Amino acid sequence: MKSPGGSIYPYYYKGGAIHCLKYGSKYNNEEQLFDLMKKEEEFIFKTNNRLKIWVDMYHTAVTSRVRQELINHMYNLKDHIDKISFVGLSSLNAWRLRRGMKKLGMNPRLSFFSDPEDAKTWLIHE
């Protein structure tokens, strides 16, 4: 089965299963990104599972609007998140994202990486 972003679900990696949110390569197309986020939420709600989620943000402009929508998106998914890792965010955007999530009372197991393989490996290790 494939998710709205085109990822295989579940995606098996080194003996574990993760869910990939491919939000990268949207550049400045915020509306396309927000539409994909809504579709992914609907998909995840139907799985009714807690997921290890990998979020690709490479080549997507992270404006304050995008960052706030991403925070809201993670808040909507909070009951379905076991662990989450982001790749492709600047240090400043990672800090702002973490801070925004904490303001909403979220404290998921969360990490930020520059290398996708490191991010996926972190997700599958308890």
PDB file of N, CA and C in Angstrom:
ATOM      1  N   MET A   1       0.845  -1.153   0.000  1.00  0.00           N
ATOM      2  CA  MET A   1       0.000   0.000   0.000  1.00  0.00           C
ATOM      3  C   MET A   1       0.909   1.240   0.000  1.00  0.00           C
ATOM      4  N   LYS A   2       0.444   2.322  -0.632  1.00  0.00           N
ATOM      5  CA  LYS A   2       1.215   3.553  -0.671  1.00  0.00           C
ATOM      6  C   LYS A   2       0.449   4.674   0.022  1.00  0.00           C
ATOM      7  N   SER A   3       1.209   5.533   0.680  1.00  0.00           N
ATOM      8  CA  SER A   3       0.620   6.699   1.331  1.00  0.00           C
ATOM      9  C   SER A   3       0.415   7.798   0.283  1.00  0.00           C
ATOM     10  N   PRO A   4      -0.311   8.852   0.614  1.00  0.00           N
ATOM     11  CA  PRO A   4      -0.545   9.927  -0.355  1.00  0.00           C
ATOM     12  C   PRO A   4       0.731  10.558  -0.908  1.00  0.00           C
ATOM     13  N   GLY A   5       1.808  10.555  -0.132  1.00  0.00           N
ATOM     14  CA  GLY A   5       3.078  11.110  -0.596  1.00  0.00           C
ATOM     15  C   GLY A   5       3.854  10.168  -1.491  1.00  0.00           C
ATOM     16  N   GLY A   6       3.356   8.957  -1.681  1.00  0.00           N
ATOM     17  CA  GLY A   6       4.002   7.984  -2.560  1.00  0.00           C
ATOM     18  C   GLY A   6       4.895   6.985  -1.861  1.00  0.00           C
ATOM     19  N   SER A   7       4.963   7.038  -0.539  1.00  0.00           N
ATOM     20  CA  SER A   7       5.797   6.099   0.208  1.00  0.00           C
ATOM     21  C   SER A   7       5.094   4.767   0.399  1.00  0.00           C
ATOM     22  N   ILE A   8       5.874   3.710   0.375  1.00  0.00           N
ATOM     23  CA  ILE A   8       5.337   2.390   0.696  1.00  0.00           C
ATOM     24  C   ILE A   8       4.977   2.382   2.173  1.00  0.00           C
ATOM     25  N   TYR A   9       3.819   1.858   2.502  1.00  0.00           N
ATOM     26  CA  TYR A   9       3.399   1.775   3.905  1.00  0.00           C
ATOM     27  C   TYR A   9       3.046   0.344   4.247  1.00  0.00           C
ATOM     28  N   PRO A  10       3.604  -0.206   5.302  1.00  0.00           N
ATOM     29  CA  PRO A  10       4.727   0.339   6.056  1.00  0.00           C
ATOM     30  C   PRO A  10       6.031   0.155   5.286  1.00  0.00           C
ATOM     31  N   TYR A  11       6.975   1.007   5.561  1.00  0.00           N
ATOM     32  CA  TYR A  11       8.291   0.948   4.947  1.00  0.00           C
ATOM     33  C   TYR A  11       9.205   0.213   5.916  1.00  0.00           C
ATOM     34  N   TYR A  12       9.704  -0.943   5.485  1.00  0.00           N
ATOM     35  CA  TYR A  12      10.562  -1.744   6.350  1.00  0.00           C
ATOM     36  C   TYR A  12      12.013  -1.339   6.141  1.00  0.00           C
ATOM     37  N   TYR A  13      12.690  -1.121   7.263  1.00  0.00           N
ATOM     38  CA  TYR A  13      14.067  -0.646   7.221  1.00  0.00           C
ATOM     39  C   TYR A  13      14.839  -1.303   8.353  1.00  0.00           C
ATOM     40  N   LYS A  14      15.866  -2.042   8.016  1.00  0.00           N
ATOM     41  CA  LYS A  14      16.745  -2.692   8.993  1.00  0.00           C
ATOM     42  C   LYS A  14      15.968  -3.421  10.089  1.00  0.00           C
ATOM     43  N   GLY A  15      14.937  -4.124   9.696  1.00  0.00           N
ATOM     44  CA  GLY A  15      14.178  -4.924  10.651  1.00  0.00           C
ATOM     45  C   GLY A  15      13.069  -4.187  11.379  1.00  0.00           C
ATOM     46  N   GLY A  16      12.867  -2.913  11.097  1.00  0.00           N
ATOM     47  CA  GLY A  16      11.803  -2.145  11.733  1.00  0.00           C
ATOM     48  C   GLY A  16      10.888  -1.541  10.685  1.00  0.00           C
ATOM     49  N   ALA A  17       9.752  -1.029  11.125  1.00  0.00           N
ATOM     50  CA  ALA A  17       8.786  -0.416  10.217  1.00  0.00           C
ATOM     51  C   ALA A  17       8.652   1.069  10.550  1.00  0.00           C
ATOM     52  N   ILE A  18       8.718   1.896   9.502  1.00  0.00           N
ATOM     53  CA  ILE A  18       8.548   3.328   9.679  1.00  0.00           C
ATOM     54  C   ILE A  18       7.541   3.852   8.663  1.00  0.00           C
ATOM     55  N   HIS A  19       7.058   5.037   8.923  1.00  0.00           N
ATOM     56  CA  HIS A  19       6.178   5.713   7.958  1.00  0.00           C
ATOM     57  C   HIS A  19       6.914   6.950   7.466  1.00  0.00           C
ATOM     58  N   CYS A  20       7.034   7.085   6.164  1.00  0.00           N
ATOM     59  CA  CYS A  20       7.762   8.198   5.562  1.00  0.00           C
ATOM     60  C   CYS A  20       6.796   9.280   5.106  1.00  0.00           C
ATOM     61  N   LEU A  21       7.044  10.493   5.554  1.00  0.00           N
ATOM     62  CA  LEU A  21       6.295  11.654   5.090  1.00  0.00           C
ATOM     63  C   LEU A  21       7.223  12.442   4.179  1.00  0.00           C
ATOM     64  N   LYS A  22       6.954  12.369   2.897  1.00  0.00           N
ATOM     65  CA  LYS A  22       7.820  13.008   1.901  1.00  0.00           C
ATOM     66  C   LYS A  22       7.321  14.424   1.619  1.00  0.00           C
ATOM     67  N   TYR A  23       7.793  15.352   2.432  1.00  0.00           N
ATOM     68  CA  TYR A  23       7.416  16.747   2.282  1.00  0.00           C
ATOM     69  C   TYR A  23       8.533  17.557   1.629  1.00  0.00           C
ATOM     70  N   GLY A  24       9.554  16.872   1.160  1.00  0.00           N
ATOM     71  CA  GLY A  24      10.658  17.527   0.486  1.00  0.00           C
ATOM     72  C   GLY A  24      10.328  17.844  -0.964  1.00  0.00           C
ATOM     73  N   SER A  25      11.161  18.659  -1.563  1.00  0.00           N
ATOM     74  CA  SER A  25      11.063  19.066  -2.967  1.00  0.00           C
ATOM     75  C   SER A  25       9.755  19.786  -3.302  1.00  0.00           C
ATOM     76  N   LYS A  26       9.213  20.493  -2.323  1.00  0.00           N
ATOM     77  CA  LYS A  26       8.032  21.325  -2.577  1.00  0.00           C
ATOM     78  C   LYS A  26       8.458  22.774  -2.814  1.00  0.00           C
ATOM     79  N   TYR A  27       9.723  23.056  -2.564  1.00  0.00           N
ATOM     80  CA  TYR A  27      10.315  24.374  -2.758  1.00  0.00           C
ATOM     81  C   TYR A  27       9.433  25.446  -2.115  1.00  0.00           C
ATOM     82  N   ASN A  28       8.827  26.322  -2.894  1.00  0.00           N
ATOM     83  CA  ASN A  28       7.985  27.392  -2.338  1.00  0.00           C
ATOM     84  C   ASN A  28       6.496  27.114  -2.514  1.00  0.00           C
ATOM     85  N   ASN A  29       6.130  25.921  -2.911  1.00  0.00           N
ATOM     86  CA  ASN A  29       4.730  25.602  -3.169  1.00  0.00           C
ATOM     87  C   ASN A  29       4.033  25.180  -1.872  1.00  0.00           C
ATOM     88  N   GLU A  30       3.667  26.177  -1.068  1.00  0.00           N
ATOM     89  CA  GLU A  30       3.073  25.909   0.232  1.00  0.00           C
ATOM     90  C   GLU A  30       1.728  25.195   0.118  1.00  0.00           C
ATOM     91  N   GLU A  31       0.916  25.595  -0.828  1.00  0.00           N
ATOM     92  CA  GLU A  31      -0.417  24.994  -0.943  1.00  0.00           C
ATOM     93  C   GLU A  31      -0.335  23.507  -1.274  1.00  0.00           C
ATOM     94  N   GLN A  32       0.604  23.123  -2.127  1.00  0.00           N
ATOM     95  CA  GLN A  32       0.797  21.711  -2.441  1.00  0.00           C
ATOM     96  C   GLN A  32       1.241  20.944  -1.200  1.00  0.00           C
ATOM     97  N   LEU A  33       2.133  21.543  -0.426  1.00  0.00           N
ATOM     98  CA  LEU A  33       2.606  20.928   0.814  1.00  0.00           C
ATOM     99  C   LEU A  33       1.458  20.767   1.804  1.00  0.00           C
ATOM    100  N   PHE A  34       0.658  21.815   2.007  1.00  0.00           N
ATOM    101  CA  PHE A  34      -0.434  21.759   2.973  1.00  0.00           C
ATOM    102  C   PHE A  34      -1.501  20.741   2.560  1.00  0.00           C
ATOM    103  N   ASP A  35      -1.749  20.650   1.261  1.00  0.00           N
ATOM    104  CA  ASP A  35      -2.705  19.657   0.757  1.00  0.00           C
ATOM    105  C   ASP A  35      -2.198  18.250   1.043  1.00  0.00           C
ATOM    106  N   LEU A  36      -0.910  18.014   0.825  1.00  0.00           N
ATOM    107  CA  LEU A  36      -0.326  16.705   1.107  1.00  0.00           C
ATOM    108  C   LEU A  36      -0.385  16.387   2.599  1.00  0.00           C
ATOM    109  N   MET A  37      -0.142  17.376   3.441  1.00  0.00           N
ATOM    110  CA  MET A  37      -0.231  17.162   4.889  1.00  0.00           C
ATOM    111  C   MET A  37      -1.632  16.699   5.289  1.00  0.00           C
ATOM    112  N   LYS A  38      -2.642  17.324   4.752  1.00  0.00           N
ATOM    113  CA  LYS A  38      -4.028  16.931   5.067  1.00  0.00           C
ATOM    114  C   LYS A  38      -4.309  15.492   4.627  1.00  0.00           C
ATOM    115  N   LYS A  39      -3.851  15.151   3.435  1.00  0.00           N
ATOM    116  CA  LYS A  39      -4.056  13.793   2.923  1.00  0.00           C
ATOM    117  C   LYS A  39      -3.315  12.761   3.780  1.00  0.00           C
ATOM    118  N   GLU A  40      -2.103  13.098   4.202  1.00  0.00           N
ATOM    119  CA  GLU A  40      -1.341  12.183   5.058  1.00  0.00           C
ATOM    120  C   GLU A  40      -2.023  12.014   6.419  1.00  0.00           C
ATOM    121  N   GLU A  41      -2.592  13.094   6.958  1.00  0.00           N
ATOM    122  CA  GLU A  41      -3.323  12.977   8.222  1.00  0.00           C
ATOM    123  C   GLU A  41      -4.470  11.983   8.078  1.00  0.00           C
ATOM    124  N   GLU A  42      -5.260  12.126   7.040  1.00  0.00           N
ATOM    125  CA  GLU A  42      -6.384  11.213   6.817  1.00  0.00           C
ATOM    126  C   GLU A  42      -5.901   9.778   6.704  1.00  0.00           C
ATOM    127  N   PHE A  43      -4.804   9.578   5.988  1.00  0.00           N
ATOM    128  CA  PHE A  43      -4.234   8.246   5.815  1.00  0.00           C
ATOM    129  C   PHE A  43      -3.791   7.669   7.157  1.00  0.00           C
ATOM    130  N   ILE A  44      -3.077   8.463   7.943  1.00  0.00           N
ATOM    131  CA  ILE A  44      -2.563   7.997   9.236  1.00  0.00           C
ATOM    132  C   ILE A  44      -3.698   7.713  10.209  1.00  0.00           C
ATOM    133  N   PHE A  45      -4.717   8.553  10.216  1.00  0.00           N
ATOM    134  CA  PHE A  45      -5.864   8.317  11.104  1.00  0.00           C
ATOM    135  C   PHE A  45      -6.499   6.956  10.812  1.00  0.00           C
ATOM    136  N   LYS A  46      -6.528   6.564   9.552  1.00  0.00           N
ATOM    137  CA  LYS A  46      -7.124   5.281   9.167  1.00  0.00           C
ATOM    138  C   LYS A  46      -6.279   4.092   9.609  1.00  0.00           C
ATOM    139  N   THR A  47      -4.958   4.308   9.774  1.00  0.00           N
ATOM    140  CA  THR A  47      -4.102   3.184  10.182  1.00  0.00           C
ATOM    141  C   THR A  47      -4.358   2.803  11.628  1.00  0.00           C
ATOM    142  N   ASN A  48      -4.749   3.779  12.431  1.00  0.00           N
ATOM    143  CA  ASN A  48      -5.058   3.551  13.849  1.00  0.00           C
ATOM    144  C   ASN A  48      -3.889   2.908  14.592  1.00  0.00           C
ATOM    145  N   ASN A  49      -2.668   3.313  14.242  1.00  0.00           N
ATOM    146  CA  ASN A  49      -1.454   2.799  14.879  1.00  0.00           C
ATOM    147  C   ASN A  49      -0.598   3.944  15.387  1.00  0.00           C
ATOM    148  N   ARG A  50       0.276   3.625  16.339  1.00  0.00           N
ATOM    149  CA  ARG A  50       1.331   4.572  16.719  1.00  0.00           C
ATOM    150  C   ARG A  50       2.516   4.267  15.807  1.00  0.00           C
ATOM    151  N   LEU A  51       3.043   5.304  15.178  1.00  0.00           N
ATOM    152  CA  LEU A  51       4.031   5.122  14.127  1.00  0.00           C
ATOM    153  C   LEU A  51       5.363   5.778  14.452  1.00  0.00           C
ATOM    154  N   LYS A  52       6.390   5.196  13.891  1.00  0.00           N
ATOM    155  CA  LYS A  52       7.706   5.809  13.863  1.00  0.00           C
ATOM    156  C   LYS A  52       7.733   6.574  12.535  1.00  0.00           C
ATOM    157  N   ILE A  53       7.814   7.891  12.616  1.00  0.00           N
ATOM    158  CA  ILE A  53       7.621   8.729  11.432  1.00  0.00           C
ATOM    159  C   ILE A  53       8.915   9.447  11.059  1.00  0.00           C
ATOM    160  N   TRP A  54       9.252   9.358   9.796  1.00  0.00           N
ATOM    161  CA  TRP A  54      10.405  10.021   9.211  1.00  0.00           C
ATOM    162  C   TRP A  54       9.876  11.111   8.289  1.00  0.00           C
ATOM    163  N   VAL A  55      10.296  12.356   8.507  1.00  0.00           N
ATOM    164  CA  VAL A  55       9.802  13.488   7.720  1.00  0.00           C
ATOM    165  C   VAL A  55      10.942  14.082   6.910  1.00  0.00           C
ATOM    166  N   ASP A  56      10.801  14.033   5.587  1.00  0.00           N
ATOM    167  CA  ASP A  56      11.777  14.589   4.655  1.00  0.00           C
ATOM    168  C   ASP A  56      11.374  16.032   4.341  1.00  0.00           C
ATOM    169  N   MET A  57      12.242  16.986   4.671  1.00  0.00           N
ATOM    170  CA  MET A  57      11.972  18.396   4.390  1.00  0.00           C
ATOM    171  C   MET A  57      13.000  19.019   3.439  1.00  0.00           C
ATOM    172  N   TYR A  58      13.855  18.181   2.821  1.00  0.00           N
ATOM    173  CA  TYR A  58      14.856  18.704   1.900  1.00  0.00           C
ATOM    174  C   TYR A  58      14.195  19.434   0.747  1.00  0.00           C
ATOM    175  N   HIS A  59      14.739  20.566   0.385  1.00  0.00           N
ATOM    176  CA  HIS A  59      14.303  21.357  -0.770  1.00  0.00           C
ATOM    177  C   HIS A  59      12.861  21.866  -0.636  1.00  0.00           C
ATOM    178  N   THR A  60      12.452  22.105   0.592  1.00  0.00           N
ATOM    179  CA  THR A  60      11.174  22.765   0.841  1.00  0.00           C
ATOM    180  C   THR A  60      11.472  23.990   1.694  1.00  0.00           C
ATOM    181  N   ALA A  61      11.010  25.137   1.229  1.00  0.00           N
ATOM    182  CA  ALA A  61      11.235  26.380   1.969  1.00  0.00           C
ATOM    183  C   ALA A  61      10.409  26.346   3.250  1.00  0.00           C
ATOM    184  N   VAL A  62      11.074  26.532   4.382  1.00  0.00           N
ATOM    185  CA  VAL A  62      10.386  26.494   5.672  1.00  0.00           C
ATOM    186  C   VAL A  62      10.197  27.938   6.146  1.00  0.00           C
ATOM    187  N   THR A  63       9.093  28.514   5.700  1.00  0.00           N
ATOM    188  CA  THR A  63       8.714  29.855   6.131  1.00  0.00           C
ATOM    189  C   THR A  63       8.043  29.750   7.500  1.00  0.00           C
ATOM    190  N   SER A  64       7.744  30.866   8.108  1.00  0.00           N
ATOM    191  CA  SER A  64       7.049  30.816   9.400  1.00  0.00           C
ATOM    192  C   SER A  64       5.679  30.163   9.234  1.00  0.00           C
ATOM    193  N   ARG A  65       5.014  30.392   8.103  1.00  0.00           N
ATOM    194  CA  ARG A  65       3.714  29.764   7.843  1.00  0.00           C
ATOM    195  C   ARG A  65       3.854  28.250   7.705  1.00  0.00           C
ATOM    196  N   VAL A  66       4.864  27.805   6.967  1.00  0.00           N
ATOM    197  CA  VAL A  66       5.104  26.364   6.802  1.00  0.00           C
ATOM    198  C   VAL A  66       5.433  25.741   8.152  1.00  0.00           C
ATOM    199  N   ARG A  67       6.276  26.400   8.916  1.00  0.00           N
ATOM    200  CA  ARG A  67       6.650  25.860  10.231  1.00  0.00           C
ATOM    201  C   ARG A  67       5.419  25.737  11.137  1.00  0.00           C
ATOM    202  N   GLN A  68       4.551  26.753  11.144  1.00  0.00           N
ATOM    203  CA  GLN A  68       3.362  26.693  11.990  1.00  0.00           C
ATOM    204  C   GLN A  68       2.409  25.591  11.527  1.00  0.00           C
ATOM    205  N   GLU A  69       2.255  25.429  10.234  1.00  0.00           N
ATOM    206  CA  GLU A  69       1.398  24.348   9.715  1.00  0.00           C
ATOM    207  C   GLU A  69       1.984  22.983  10.059  1.00  0.00           C
ATOM    208  N   LEU A  70       3.301  22.869  10.014  1.00  0.00           N
ATOM    209  CA  LEU A  70       3.970  21.618  10.376  1.00  0.00           C
ATOM    210  C   LEU A  70       3.758  21.310  11.860  1.00  0.00           C
ATOM    211  N   ILE A  71       3.856  22.319  12.704  1.00  0.00           N
ATOM    212  CA  ILE A  71       3.598  22.136  14.132  1.00  0.00           C
ATOM    213  C   ILE A  71       2.151  21.696  14.355  1.00  0.00           C
ATOM    214  N   ASN A  72       1.218  22.365  13.703  1.00  0.00           N
ATOM    215  CA  ASN A  72      -0.196  21.989  13.827  1.00  0.00           C
ATOM    216  C   ASN A  72      -0.432  20.570  13.322  1.00  0.00           C
ATOM    217  N   HIS A  73       0.223  20.220  12.240  1.00  0.00           N
ATOM    218  CA  HIS A  73       0.121  18.884  11.649  1.00  0.00           C
ATOM    219  C   HIS A  73       0.601  17.824  12.644  1.00  0.00           C
ATOM    220  N   MET A  74       1.746  18.065  13.271  1.00  0.00           N
ATOM    221  CA  MET A  74       2.263  17.118  14.262  1.00  0.00           C
ATOM    222  C   MET A  74       1.332  17.043  15.475  1.00  0.00           C
ATOM    223  N   TYR A  75       0.748  18.161  15.858  1.00  0.00           N
ATOM    224  CA  TYR A  75      -0.203  18.160  16.968  1.00  0.00           C
ATOM    225  C   TYR A  75      -1.415  17.292  16.622  1.00  0.00           C
ATOM    226  N   ASN A  76      -1.916  17.424  15.397  1.00  0.00           N
ATOM    227  CA  ASN A  76      -3.057  16.615  14.966  1.00  0.00           C
ATOM    228  C   ASN A  76      -2.724  15.125  14.993  1.00  0.00           C
ATOM    229  N   LEU A  77      -1.464  14.799  14.741  1.00  0.00           N
ATOM    230  CA  LEU A  77      -1.030  13.401  14.679  1.00  0.00           C
ATOM    231  C   LEU A  77      -0.486  12.867  16.001  1.00  0.00           C
ATOM    232  N   LYS A  78      -0.494  13.687  17.043  1.00  0.00           N
ATOM    233  CA  LYS A  78       0.210  13.345  18.293  1.00  0.00           C
ATOM    234  C   LYS A  78      -0.169  11.984  18.859  1.00  0.00           C
ATOM    235  N   ASP A  79      -1.413  11.567  18.731  1.00  0.00           N
ATOM    236  CA  ASP A  79      -1.829  10.268  19.265  1.00  0.00           C
ATOM    237  C   ASP A  79      -1.347   9.101  18.413  1.00  0.00           C
ATOM    238  N   HIS A  80      -0.796   9.407  17.241  1.00  0.00           N
ATOM    239  CA  HIS A  80      -0.319   8.366  16.322  1.00  0.00           C
ATOM    240  C   HIS A  80       1.197   8.350  16.208  1.00  0.00           C
ATOM    241  N   ILE A  81       1.879   9.221  16.959  1.00  0.00           N
ATOM    242  CA  ILE A  81       3.336   9.319  16.880  1.00  0.00           C
ATOM    243  C   ILE A  81       3.975   8.544  18.026  1.00  0.00           C
ATOM    244  N   ASP A  82       4.812   7.577  17.664  1.00  0.00           N
ATOM    245  CA  ASP A  82       5.654   6.895  18.653  1.00  0.00           C
ATOM    246  C   ASP A  82       6.979   7.648  18.760  1.00  0.00           C
ATOM    247  N   LYS A  83       7.636   7.824  17.625  1.00  0.00           N
ATOM    248  CA  LYS A  83       8.880   8.578  17.516  1.00  0.00           C
ATOM    249  C   LYS A  83       8.819   9.332  16.199  1.00  0.00           C
ATOM    250  N   ILE A  84       9.548  10.435  16.133  1.00  0.00           N
ATOM    251  CA  ILE A  84       9.567  11.193  14.883  1.00  0.00           C
ATOM    252  C   ILE A  84      10.956  11.770  14.640  1.00  0.00           C
ATOM    253  N   SER A  85      11.400  11.693  13.390  1.00  0.00           N
ATOM    254  CA  SER A  85      12.680  12.285  13.012  1.00  0.00           C
ATOM    255  C   SER A  85      12.475  13.143  11.766  1.00  0.00           C
ATOM    256  N   PHE A  86      13.143  14.271  11.764  1.00  0.00           N
ATOM    257  CA  PHE A  86      13.095  15.186  10.633  1.00  0.00           C
ATOM    258  C   PHE A  86      14.465  15.243   9.990  1.00  0.00           C
ATOM    259  N   VAL A  87      14.482  15.346   8.664  1.00  0.00           N
ATOM    260  CA  VAL A  87      15.730  15.572   7.935  1.00  0.00           C
ATOM    261  C   VAL A  87      15.534  16.779   7.033  1.00  0.00           C
ATOM    262  N   GLY A  88      16.613  17.541   6.875  1.00  0.00           N
ATOM    263  CA  GLY A  88      16.586  18.653   5.944  1.00  0.00           C
ATOM    264  C   GLY A  88      16.182  19.985   6.534  1.00  0.00           C
ATOM    265  N   LEU A  89      16.093  20.088   7.853  1.00  0.00           N
ATOM    266  CA  LEU A  89      15.775  21.370   8.489  1.00  0.00           C
ATOM    267  C   LEU A  89      17.058  22.037   8.976  1.00  0.00           C
ATOM    268  N   SER A  90      17.094  23.346   8.889  1.00  0.00           N
ATOM    269  CA  SER A  90      18.227  24.071   9.460  1.00  0.00           C
ATOM    270  C   SER A  90      18.167  23.945  10.981  1.00  0.00           C
ATOM    271  N   SER A  91      19.272  24.226  11.632  1.00  0.00           N
ATOM    272  CA  SER A  91      19.301  24.167  13.103  1.00  0.00           C
ATOM    273  C   SER A  91      18.288  25.125  13.706  1.00  0.00           C
ATOM    274  N   LEU A  92      18.159  26.298  13.120  1.00  0.00           N
ATOM    275  CA  LEU A  92      17.213  27.284  13.626  1.00  0.00           C
ATOM    276  C   LEU A  92      15.769  26.801  13.464  1.00  0.00           C
ATOM    277  N   ASN A  93      15.446  26.248  12.307  1.00  0.00           N
ATOM    278  CA  ASN A  93      14.090  25.739  12.105  1.00  0.00           C
ATOM    279  C   ASN A  93      13.805  24.532  12.991  1.00  0.00           C
ATOM    280  N   ALA A  94      14.791  23.700  13.225  1.00  0.00           N
ATOM    281  CA  ALA A  94      14.610  22.558  14.129  1.00  0.00           C
ATOM    282  C   ALA A  94      14.301  23.067  15.539  1.00  0.00           C
ATOM    283  N   TRP A  95      15.053  24.056  15.991  1.00  0.00           N
ATOM    284  CA  TRP A  95      14.832  24.632  17.319  1.00  0.00           C
ATOM    285  C   TRP A  95      13.441  25.248  17.416  1.00  0.00           C
ATOM    286  N   ARG A  96      13.043  26.005  16.384  1.00  0.00           N
ATOM    287  CA  ARG A  96      11.726  26.646  16.380  1.00  0.00           C
ATOM    288  C   ARG A  96      10.596  25.620  16.332  1.00  0.00           C
ATOM    289  N   LEU A  97      10.807  24.550  15.589  1.00  0.00           N
ATOM    290  CA  LEU A  97       9.792  23.498  15.506  1.00  0.00           C
ATOM    291  C   LEU A  97       9.628  22.809  16.862  1.00  0.00           C
ATOM    292  N   ARG A  98      10.732  22.451  17.483  1.00  0.00           N
ATOM    293  CA  ARG A  98      10.685  21.805  18.802  1.00  0.00           C
ATOM    294  C   ARG A  98      10.008  22.727  19.815  1.00  0.00           C
ATOM    295  N   ARG A  99      10.390  23.992  19.808  1.00  0.00           N
ATOM    296  CA  ARG A  99       9.812  24.965  20.730  1.00  0.00           C
ATOM    297  C   ARG A  99       8.302  25.124  20.504  1.00  0.00           C
ATOM    298  N   GLY A 100       7.875  25.186  19.252  1.00  0.00           N
ATOM    299  CA  GLY A 100       6.455  25.305  18.929  1.00  0.00           C
ATOM    300  C   GLY A 100       5.655  24.096  19.375  1.00  0.00           C
ATOM    301  N   MET A 101       6.235  22.915  19.237  1.00  0.00           N
ATOM    302  CA  MET A 101       5.562  21.699  19.672  1.00  0.00           C
ATOM    303  C   MET A 101       5.437  21.680  21.193  1.00  0.00           C
ATOM    304  N   LYS A 102       6.479  22.103  21.886  1.00  0.00           N
ATOM    305  CA  LYS A 102       6.433  22.139  23.357  1.00  0.00           C
ATOM    306  C   LYS A 102       5.389  23.126  23.856  1.00  0.00           C
ATOM    307  N   LYS A 103       5.222  24.239  23.162  1.00  0.00           N
ATOM    308  CA  LYS A 103       4.211  25.224  23.549  1.00  0.00           C
ATOM    309  C   LYS A 103       2.808  24.634  23.484  1.00  0.00           C
ATOM    310  N   LEU A 104       2.616  23.660  22.610  1.00  0.00           N
ATOM    311  CA  LEU A 104       1.316  22.988  22.492  1.00  0.00           C
ATOM    312  C   LEU A 104       1.216  21.793  23.444  1.00  0.00           C
ATOM    313  N   GLY A 105       2.223  21.612  24.279  1.00  0.00           N
ATOM    314  CA  GLY A 105       2.200  20.524  25.246  1.00  0.00           C
ATOM    315  C   GLY A 105       2.672  19.192  24.686  1.00  0.00           C
ATOM    316  N   MET A 106       3.295  19.234  23.523  1.00  0.00           N
ATOM    317  CA  MET A 106       3.806  18.007  22.911  1.00  0.00           C
ATOM    318  C   MET A 106       5.251  17.798  23.317  1.00  0.00           C
ATOM    319  N   ASN A 107       5.581  16.563  23.637  1.00  0.00           N
ATOM    320  CA  ASN A 107       6.963  16.225  23.944  1.00  0.00           C
ATOM    321  C   ASN A 107       7.264  14.836  23.398  1.00  0.00           C
ATOM    322  N   PRO A 108       7.127  14.681  22.076  1.00  0.00           N
ATOM    323  CA  PRO A 108       7.376  13.350  21.507  1.00  0.00           C
ATOM    324  C   PRO A 108       8.861  13.022  21.496  1.00  0.00           C
ATOM    325  N   ARG A 109       9.162  11.752  21.336  1.00  0.00           N
ATOM    326  CA  ARG A 109      10.564  11.372  21.114  1.00  0.00           C
ATOM    327  C   ARG A 109      10.893  11.903  19.722  1.00  0.00           C
ATOM    328  N   LEU A 110      11.770  12.875  19.686  1.00  0.00           N
ATOM    329  CA  LEU A 110      11.977  13.679  18.493  1.00  0.00           C
ATOM    330  C   LEU A 110      13.460  13.904  18.267  1.00  0.00           C
ATOM    331  N   SER A 111      13.893  13.787  17.006  1.00  0.00           N
ATOM    332  CA  SER A 111      15.275  14.078  16.643  1.00  0.00           C
ATOM    333  C   SER A 111      15.332  14.719  15.273  1.00  0.00           C
ATOM    334  N   PHE A 112      16.431  15.424  15.041  1.00  0.00           N
ATOM    335  CA  PHE A 112      16.669  16.096  13.766  1.00  0.00           C
ATOM    336  C   PHE A 112      18.000  15.627  13.217  1.00  0.00           C
ATOM    337  N   PHE A 113      18.031  15.355  11.922  1.00  0.00           N
ATOM    338  CA  PHE A 113      19.226  14.822  11.280  1.00  0.00           C
ATOM    339  C   PHE A 113      19.459  15.508   9.944  1.00  0.00           C
ATOM    340  N   SER A 114      20.694  15.446   9.478  1.00  0.00           N
ATOM    341  CA  SER A 114      21.003  15.909   8.130  1.00  0.00           C
ATOM    342  C   SER A 114      21.081  14.722   7.178  1.00  0.00           C
ATOM    343  N   ASP A 115      21.291  13.526   7.715  1.00  0.00           N
ATOM    344  CA  ASP A 115      21.405  12.318   6.896  1.00  0.00           C
ATOM    345  C   ASP A 115      20.165  11.441   7.063  1.00  0.00           C
ATOM    346  N   PRO A 116      19.471  11.130   5.967  1.00  0.00           N
ATOM    347  CA  PRO A 116      18.255  10.311   6.057  1.00  0.00           C
ATOM    348  C   PRO A 116      18.485   8.929   6.673  1.00  0.00           C
ATOM    349  N   GLU A 117      19.640   8.332   6.386  1.00  0.00           N
ATOM    350  CA  GLU A 117      19.905   6.996   6.919  1.00  0.00           C
ATOM    351  C   GLU A 117      20.044   7.034   8.440  1.00  0.00           C
ATOM    352  N   ASP A 118      20.700   8.066   8.947  1.00  0.00           N
ATOM    353  CA  ASP A 118      20.829   8.220  10.396  1.00  0.00           C
ATOM    354  C   ASP A 118      19.456   8.411  11.038  1.00  0.00           C
ATOM    355  N   ALA A 119      18.614   9.183  10.388  1.00  0.00           N
ATOM    356  CA  ALA A 119      17.267   9.441  10.917  1.00  0.00           C
ATOM    357  C   ALA A 119      16.446   8.153  10.985  1.00  0.00           C
ATOM    358  N   LYS A 120      16.491   7.370   9.922  1.00  0.00           N
ATOM    359  CA  LYS A 120      15.717   6.119   9.895  1.00  0.00           C
ATOM    360  C   LYS A 120      16.281   5.108  10.882  1.00  0.00           C
ATOM    361  N   THR A 121      17.601   5.049  11.011  1.00  0.00           N
ATOM    362  CA  THR A 121      18.224   4.128  11.964  1.00  0.00           C
ATOM    363  C   THR A 121      17.829   4.493  13.390  1.00  0.00           C
ATOM    364  N   TRP A 122      17.830   5.785  13.716  1.00  0.00           N
ATOM    365  CA  TRP A 122      17.426   6.235  15.051  1.00  0.00           C
ATOM    366  C   TRP A 122      15.979   5.806  15.344  1.00  0.00           C
ATOM    367  N   LEU A 123      15.122   5.907  14.359  1.00  0.00           N
ATOM    368  CA  LEU A 123      13.711   5.566  14.565  1.00  0.00           C
ATOM    369  C   LEU A 123      13.506   4.100  14.960  1.00  0.00           C
ATOM    370  N   ILE A 124      14.235   3.220  14.337  1.00  0.00           N
ATOM    371  CA  ILE A 124      13.975   1.789  14.584  1.00  0.00           C
ATOM    372  C   ILE A 124      14.673   1.251  15.815  1.00  0.00           C
ATOM    373  N   HIS A 125      15.608   2.015  16.365  1.00  0.00           N
ATOM    374  CA  HIS A 125      16.263   1.566  17.590  1.00  0.00           C
ATOM    375  C   HIS A 125      15.541   2.129  18.800  1.00  0.00           C
ATOM    376  N   GLU A 126      15.224   1.262  19.727  1.00  0.00           N
ATOM    377  CA  GLU A 126      14.513   1.675  20.942  1.00  0.00           C
ATOM    378  C   GLU A 126      15.472   2.307  21.822  1.00  0.00           C
TER     379      GLU A 126
END
